[in-house]
């Protein structure tokens, strides 16, 4: 325990201090690592989802974030709301951002 406390003591007892950049280097390194491991992959995932939503068209089979399976029959409110046909007489208006998967099992190409 005493060795640990002695290692934490400043190397220069006169108080001259060292390079201030060197003291912030670990924090800068942590931020860079967080960017490449957390922030960048999330941004890439958001761009892919936005690209998928922009390519959404009438006739696509979709699954919403609530688990509703259906077929796109149209759009309203300047393409912000998707009309999904769930059954013969059932159509739902769903926010476009809530669509998670496009062209799921059962589609024909």
C-alpha atoms as a PDB file:
ATOM      1  CA  UNK A   1       0.000   0.000   0.000  1.00  0.00           C
ATOM      2  CA  UNK A   2       2.836   2.380   0.857  1.00  0.00           C
ATOM      3  CA  UNK A   3       4.517   1.734  -2.492  1.00  0.00           C
ATOM      4  CA  UNK A   4       1.295   2.671  -4.310  1.00  0.00           C
ATOM      5  CA  UNK A   5       1.069   5.969  -2.422  1.00  0.00           C
ATOM      6  CA  UNK A   6       4.712   6.730  -3.140  1.00  0.00           C
ATOM      7  CA  UNK A   7       4.202   6.009  -6.835  1.00  0.00           C
ATOM      8  CA  UNK A   8       1.362   8.543  -6.920  1.00  0.00           C
ATOM      9  CA  UNK A   9       3.626  11.280  -5.551  1.00  0.00           C
ATOM     10  CA  UNK A  10       4.819  13.866  -8.090  1.00  0.00           C
ATOM     11  CA  UNK A  11       8.175  13.057  -9.652  1.00  0.00           C
ATOM     12  CA  UNK A  12       9.361  16.637  -9.467  1.00  0.00           C
ATOM     13  CA  UNK A  13       9.085  17.881  -5.857  1.00  0.00           C
ATOM     14  CA  UNK A  14       9.964  21.460  -6.859  1.00  0.00           C
ATOM     15  CA  UNK A  15       6.526  21.831  -8.464  1.00  0.00           C
ATOM     16  CA  UNK A  16       7.858  22.528 -11.925  1.00  0.00           C
ATOM     17  CA  UNK A  17       5.227  20.240 -13.417  1.00  0.00           C
ATOM     18  CA  UNK A  18       5.585  18.312 -16.588  1.00  0.00           C
ATOM     19  CA  UNK A  19       4.100  18.578 -19.979  1.00  0.00           C
ATOM     20  CA  UNK A  20       0.362  19.335 -19.572  1.00  0.00           C
ATOM     21  CA  UNK A  21      -0.469  17.404 -22.750  1.00  0.00           C
ATOM     22  CA  UNK A  22       1.128  14.283 -21.305  1.00  0.00           C
ATOM     23  CA  UNK A  23      -1.141  14.503 -18.265  1.00  0.00           C
ATOM     24  CA  UNK A  24      -4.251  14.647 -20.472  1.00  0.00           C
ATOM     25  CA  UNK A  25      -3.056  11.942 -22.856  1.00  0.00           C
ATOM     26  CA  UNK A  26      -4.879   9.069 -21.064  1.00  0.00           C
ATOM     27  CA  UNK A  27      -8.187  10.975 -21.209  1.00  0.00           C
ATOM     28  CA  UNK A  28      -7.702  11.783 -24.881  1.00  0.00           C
ATOM     29  CA  UNK A  29      -6.879   8.135 -25.565  1.00  0.00           C
ATOM     30  CA  UNK A  30     -10.029   6.976 -23.748  1.00  0.00           C
ATOM     31  CA  UNK A  31     -12.187   9.379 -25.791  1.00  0.00           C
ATOM     32  CA  UNK A  32     -10.654   8.165 -29.062  1.00  0.00           C
ATOM     33  CA  UNK A  33     -11.225   4.528 -28.101  1.00  0.00           C
ATOM     34  CA  UNK A  34     -14.843   5.278 -27.121  1.00  0.00           C
ATOM     35  CA  UNK A  35     -15.394   6.967 -30.476  1.00  0.00           C
ATOM     36  CA  UNK A  36     -14.190   3.969 -32.481  1.00  0.00           C
ATOM     37  CA  UNK A  37     -15.882   1.332 -30.295  1.00  0.00           C
ATOM     38  CA  UNK A  38     -19.204   3.018 -29.502  1.00  0.00           C
ATOM     39  CA  UNK A  39     -20.057   6.193 -31.398  1.00  0.00           C
ATOM     40  CA  UNK A  40     -18.885   5.353 -34.917  1.00  0.00           C
ATOM     41  CA  UNK A  41     -20.668   1.963 -35.171  1.00  0.00           C
ATOM     42  CA  UNK A  42     -23.893   3.543 -33.901  1.00  0.00           C
ATOM     43  CA  UNK A  43     -23.696   6.305 -36.529  1.00  0.00           C
ATOM     44  CA  UNK A  44     -23.108   3.700 -39.229  1.00  0.00           C
ATOM     45  CA  UNK A  45     -26.135   1.712 -38.041  1.00  0.00           C
ATOM     46  CA  UNK A  46     -28.322   4.844 -38.088  1.00  0.00           C
ATOM     47  CA  UNK A  47     -27.224   5.676 -41.645  1.00  0.00           C
ATOM     48  CA  UNK A  48     -28.053   2.132 -42.811  1.00  0.00           C
ATOM     49  CA  UNK A  49     -31.521   2.293 -41.222  1.00  0.00           C
ATOM     50  CA  UNK A  50     -32.193   5.709 -42.789  1.00  0.00           C
ATOM     51  CA  UNK A  51     -31.123   4.360 -46.180  1.00  0.00           C
ATOM     52  CA  UNK A  52     -33.495   1.395 -45.719  1.00  0.00           C
ATOM     53  CA  UNK A  53     -36.383   3.714 -44.780  1.00  0.00           C
ATOM     54  CA  UNK A  54     -35.716   5.993 -47.757  1.00  0.00           C
ATOM     55  CA  UNK A  55     -35.863   2.961 -50.090  1.00  0.00           C
ATOM     56  CA  UNK A  56     -39.169   1.775 -48.602  1.00  0.00           C
ATOM     57  CA  UNK A  57     -41.812   1.463 -51.307  1.00  0.00           C
ATOM     58  CA  UNK A  58     -45.348   0.258 -51.848  1.00  0.00           C
ATOM     59  CA  UNK A  59     -45.592  -3.547 -51.794  1.00  0.00           C
ATOM     60  CA  UNK A  60     -42.668  -4.188 -49.413  1.00  0.00           C
ATOM     61  CA  UNK A  61     -43.219  -6.641 -46.591  1.00  0.00           C
ATOM     62  CA  UNK A  62     -42.155  -5.071 -43.295  1.00  0.00           C
ATOM     63  CA  UNK A  63     -41.924  -5.718 -39.569  1.00  0.00           C
ATOM     64  CA  UNK A  64     -42.398  -2.818 -37.158  1.00  0.00           C
ATOM     65  CA  UNK A  65     -40.577  -2.328 -33.867  1.00  0.00           C
ATOM     66  CA  UNK A  66     -43.789  -3.490 -32.151  1.00  0.00           C
ATOM     67  CA  UNK A  67     -43.620  -6.808 -33.995  1.00  0.00           C
ATOM     68  CA  UNK A  68     -46.421  -6.142 -36.469  1.00  0.00           C
ATOM     69  CA  UNK A  69     -45.954  -7.904 -39.815  1.00  0.00           C
ATOM     70  CA  UNK A  70     -47.610  -6.425 -42.876  1.00  0.00           C
ATOM     71  CA  UNK A  71     -47.354  -5.101 -46.403  1.00  0.00           C
ATOM     72  CA  UNK A  72     -46.859  -1.428 -47.271  1.00  0.00           C
ATOM     73  CA  UNK A  73     -49.873  -0.103 -49.164  1.00  0.00           C
ATOM     74  CA  UNK A  74     -49.096   3.601 -49.149  1.00  0.00           C
ATOM     75  CA  UNK A  75     -47.748   6.688 -47.408  1.00  0.00           C
ATOM     76  CA  UNK A  76     -49.284   9.802 -45.819  1.00  0.00           C
ATOM     77  CA  UNK A  77     -48.073  13.065 -44.256  1.00  0.00           C
ATOM     78  CA  UNK A  78     -45.243  13.684 -46.738  1.00  0.00           C
ATOM     79  CA  UNK A  79     -43.907  10.093 -46.441  1.00  0.00           C
ATOM     80  CA  UNK A  80     -43.689  10.289 -42.639  1.00  0.00           C
ATOM     81  CA  UNK A  81     -46.452   7.735 -41.991  1.00  0.00           C
ATOM     82  CA  UNK A  82     -46.621   4.285 -43.596  1.00  0.00           C
ATOM     83  CA  UNK A  83     -49.931   2.536 -44.229  1.00  0.00           C
ATOM     84  CA  UNK A  84     -49.451  -1.175 -43.536  1.00  0.00           C
ATOM     85  CA  UNK A  85     -51.957  -3.825 -44.569  1.00  0.00           C
ATOM     86  CA  UNK A  86     -52.029  -6.452 -41.832  1.00  0.00           C
ATOM     87  CA  UNK A  87     -55.056  -8.480 -42.952  1.00  0.00           C
ATOM     88  CA  UNK A  88     -57.727  -8.307 -45.661  1.00  0.00           C
ATOM     89  CA  UNK A  89     -59.725  -5.527 -43.985  1.00  0.00           C
ATOM     90  CA  UNK A  90     -57.099  -4.189 -41.545  1.00  0.00           C
ATOM     91  CA  UNK A  91     -54.778  -1.298 -42.362  1.00  0.00           C
ATOM     92  CA  UNK A  92     -52.597   0.467 -39.814  1.00  0.00           C
ATOM     93  CA  UNK A  93     -50.949   3.874 -39.944  1.00  0.00           C
ATOM     94  CA  UNK A  94     -47.444   3.516 -38.500  1.00  0.00           C
ATOM     95  CA  UNK A  95     -44.708   6.109 -38.146  1.00  0.00           C
ATOM     96  CA  UNK A  96     -42.038   5.428 -40.758  1.00  0.00           C
ATOM     97  CA  UNK A  97     -39.260   5.420 -38.162  1.00  0.00           C
ATOM     98  CA  UNK A  98     -40.906   2.444 -36.424  1.00  0.00           C
ATOM     99  CA  UNK A  99     -40.257   0.113 -39.385  1.00  0.00           C
ATOM    100  CA  UNK A 100     -37.376  -2.197 -38.454  1.00  0.00           C
ATOM    101  CA  UNK A 101     -37.122  -4.851 -41.179  1.00  0.00           C
ATOM    102  CA  UNK A 102     -37.964  -4.729 -44.884  1.00  0.00           C
ATOM    103  CA  UNK A 103     -38.425  -7.708 -47.245  1.00  0.00           C
ATOM    104  CA  UNK A 104     -38.736 -10.471 -44.671  1.00  0.00           C
ATOM    105  CA  UNK A 105     -39.515 -14.178 -45.250  1.00  0.00           C
ATOM    106  CA  UNK A 106     -42.312 -14.750 -47.717  1.00  0.00           C
ATOM    107  CA  UNK A 107     -41.365 -12.096 -50.235  1.00  0.00           C
ATOM    108  CA  UNK A 108     -40.828 -12.791 -53.885  1.00  0.00           C
ATOM    109  CA  UNK A 109     -38.215 -11.079 -55.972  1.00  0.00           C
END
